[in-house]
PDB file of N, CA and C in Angstrom:
ATOM      1  N   UNK A   1       0.859  -1.216   0.000  1.00  0.00           N
ATOM      2  CA  UNK A   1       0.000   0.000   0.000  1.00  0.00           C
ATOM      3  C   UNK A   1       0.888   1.258   0.000  1.00  0.00           C
ATOM      4  N   UNK A   2       0.988   1.932  -1.115  1.00  0.00           N
ATOM      5  CA  UNK A   2       1.800   3.166  -1.154  1.00  0.00           C
ATOM      6  C   UNK A   2       0.935   4.329  -1.617  1.00  0.00           C
ATOM      7  N   UNK A   3       1.236   5.519  -1.198  1.00  0.00           N
ATOM      8  CA  UNK A   3       0.398   6.670  -1.589  1.00  0.00           C
ATOM      9  C   UNK A   3       0.543   6.950  -3.079  1.00  0.00           C
ATOM     10  N   UNK A   4      -0.506   6.773  -3.829  1.00  0.00           N
ATOM     11  CA  UNK A   4      -0.432   7.009  -5.283  1.00  0.00           C
ATOM     12  C   UNK A   4      -0.085   8.470  -5.559  1.00  0.00           C
ATOM     13  N   UNK A   5      -0.670   9.388  -4.812  1.00  0.00           N
ATOM     14  CA  UNK A   5      -0.408  10.824  -5.058  1.00  0.00           C
ATOM     15  C   UNK A   5       1.088  11.101  -4.956  1.00  0.00           C
ATOM     16  N   UNK A   6       1.722  10.648  -3.877  1.00  0.00           N
ATOM     17  CA  UNK A   6       3.157  10.891  -3.703  1.00  0.00           C
ATOM     18  C   UNK A   6       3.960  10.101  -4.743  1.00  0.00           C
ATOM     19  N   UNK A   7       3.474   8.882  -5.047  1.00  0.00           N
ATOM     20  CA  UNK A   7       4.196   8.028  -5.997  1.00  0.00           C
ATOM     21  C   UNK A   7       4.323   8.713  -7.356  1.00  0.00           C
ATOM     22  N   UNK A   8       3.254   9.319  -7.829  1.00  0.00           N
ATOM     23  CA  UNK A   8       3.286   9.970  -9.145  1.00  0.00           C
ATOM     24  C   UNK A   8       4.336  11.087  -9.147  1.00  0.00           C
ATOM     25  N   UNK A   9       4.377  11.885  -8.097  1.00  0.00           N
ATOM     26  CA  UNK A   9       5.338  12.990  -8.033  1.00  0.00           C
ATOM     27  C   UNK A   9       6.761  12.455  -7.954  1.00  0.00           C
ATOM     28  N   UNK A  10       6.922  11.294  -7.312  1.00  0.00           N
ATOM     29  CA  UNK A  10       8.264  10.733  -7.146  1.00  0.00           C
ATOM     30  C   UNK A  10       8.808  10.195  -8.476  1.00  0.00           C
ATOM     31  N   UNK A  11       7.948   9.533  -9.241  1.00  0.00           N
ATOM     32  CA  UNK A  11       8.410   8.935 -10.505  1.00  0.00           C
ATOM     33  C   UNK A  11       8.182   9.888 -11.675  1.00  0.00           C
ATOM     34  N   UNK A  12       8.672   9.477 -12.856  1.00  0.00           N
ATOM     35  CA  UNK A  12       8.520  10.337 -14.047  1.00  0.00           C
ATOM     36  C   UNK A  12       7.228  10.025 -14.784  1.00  0.00           C
ATOM     37  N   UNK A  13       7.036  10.609 -15.945  1.00  0.00           N
ATOM     38  CA  UNK A  13       5.831  10.419 -16.756  1.00  0.00           C
ATOM     39  C   UNK A  13       5.656   8.957 -17.192  1.00  0.00           C
ATOM     40  N   UNK A  14       6.762   8.234 -17.327  1.00  0.00           N
ATOM     41  CA  UNK A  14       6.670   6.828 -17.754  1.00  0.00           C
ATOM     42  C   UNK A  14       5.884   6.022 -16.723  1.00  0.00           C
ATOM     43  N   UNK A  15       6.232   6.140 -15.458  1.00  0.00           N
ATOM     44  CA  UNK A  15       5.527   5.389 -14.403  1.00  0.00           C
ATOM     45  C   UNK A  15       4.157   6.007 -14.156  1.00  0.00           C
ATOM     46  N   UNK A  16       4.046   7.282 -14.422  1.00  0.00           N
ATOM     47  CA  UNK A  16       2.777   7.985 -14.169  1.00  0.00           C
ATOM     48  C   UNK A  16       1.600   7.239 -14.814  1.00  0.00           C
ATOM     49  N   UNK A  17       1.801   6.735 -16.011  1.00  0.00           N
ATOM     50  CA  UNK A  17       0.711   6.032 -16.716  1.00  0.00           C
ATOM     51  C   UNK A  17       0.244   4.818 -15.898  1.00  0.00           C
ATOM     52  N   UNK A  18       1.177   4.045 -15.402  1.00  0.00           N
ATOM     53  CA  UNK A  18       0.822   2.835 -14.633  1.00  0.00           C
ATOM     54  C   UNK A  18       0.111   3.231 -13.337  1.00  0.00           C
ATOM     55  N   UNK A  19       0.639   4.229 -12.657  1.00  0.00           N
ATOM     56  CA  UNK A  19       0.038   4.665 -11.383  1.00  0.00           C
ATOM     57  C   UNK A  19      -1.333   5.279 -11.626  1.00  0.00           C
ATOM     58  N   UNK A  20      -1.458   6.001 -12.720  1.00  0.00           N
ATOM     59  CA  UNK A  20      -2.730   6.674 -13.009  1.00  0.00           C
ATOM     60  C   UNK A  20      -3.882   5.668 -13.003  1.00  0.00           C
ATOM     61  N   UNK A  21      -3.642   4.487 -13.558  1.00  0.00           N
ATOM     62  CA  UNK A  21      -4.702   3.464 -13.617  1.00  0.00           C
ATOM     63  C   UNK A  21      -5.106   3.053 -12.204  1.00  0.00           C
ATOM     64  N   UNK A  22      -4.144   2.906 -11.305  1.00  0.00           N
ATOM     65  CA  UNK A  22      -4.476   2.503  -9.930  1.00  0.00           C
ATOM     66  C   UNK A  22      -5.014   3.689  -9.136  1.00  0.00           C
ATOM     67  N   UNK A  23      -4.630   4.878  -9.526  1.00  0.00           N
ATOM     68  CA  UNK A  23      -5.069   6.078  -8.796  1.00  0.00           C
ATOM     69  C   UNK A  23      -6.596   6.127  -8.711  1.00  0.00           C
ATOM     70  N   UNK A  24      -7.261   5.895  -9.842  1.00  0.00           N
ATOM     71  CA  UNK A  24      -8.737   5.945  -9.855  1.00  0.00           C
ATOM     72  C   UNK A  24      -9.311   4.832  -8.979  1.00  0.00           C
ATOM     73  N   UNK A  25      -8.687   3.664  -9.034  1.00  0.00           N
ATOM     74  CA  UNK A  25      -9.193   2.522  -8.265  1.00  0.00           C
ATOM     75  C   UNK A  25      -9.092   2.800  -6.758  1.00  0.00           C
ATOM     76  N   UNK A  26      -7.998   3.402  -6.336  1.00  0.00           N
ATOM     77  CA  UNK A  26      -7.800   3.683  -4.886  1.00  0.00           C
ATOM     78  C   UNK A  26      -8.690   4.863  -4.470  1.00  0.00           C
ATOM     79  N   UNK A  27      -8.628   5.929  -5.240  1.00  0.00           N
ATOM     80  CA  UNK A  27      -9.379   7.157  -4.893  1.00  0.00           C
ATOM     81  C   UNK A  27      -9.285   7.397  -3.414  1.00  0.00           C
TER      82      UNK A  27
END
Protein backbone atom coordinates (compact mmCIF):
# COMPACT_ATOMS: atom_id res chain seq x y z
CA UNK A 1 0.00 0.00 0.00
CA UNK A 2 1.80 3.17 -1.15
CA UNK A 3 0.40 6.67 -1.59
CA UNK A 4 -0.43 7.01 -5.28
CA UNK A 5 -0.41 10.82 -5.06
CA UNK A 6 3.16 10.89 -3.70
CA UNK A 7 4.20 8.03 -6.00
CA UNK A 8 3.29 9.97 -9.15
CA UNK A 9 5.34 12.99 -8.03
CA UNK A 10 8.26 10.73 -7.15
CA UNK A 11 8.41 8.94 -10.50
CA UNK A 12 8.52 10.34 -14.05
CA UNK A 13 5.83 10.42 -16.76
CA UNK A 14 6.67 6.83 -17.75
CA UNK A 15 5.53 5.39 -14.40
CA UNK A 16 2.78 7.99 -14.17
CA UNK A 17 0.71 6.03 -16.72
CA UNK A 18 0.82 2.83 -14.63
CA UNK A 19 0.04 4.66 -11.38
CA UNK A 20 -2.73 6.67 -13.01
CA UNK A 21 -4.70 3.46 -13.62
CA UNK A 22 -4.48 2.50 -9.93
CA UNK A 23 -5.07 6.08 -8.80
CA UNK A 24 -8.74 5.94 -9.86
CA UNK A 25 -9.19 2.52 -8.26
CA UNK A 26 -7.80 3.68 -4.89
CA UNK A 27 -9.38 7.16 -4.89
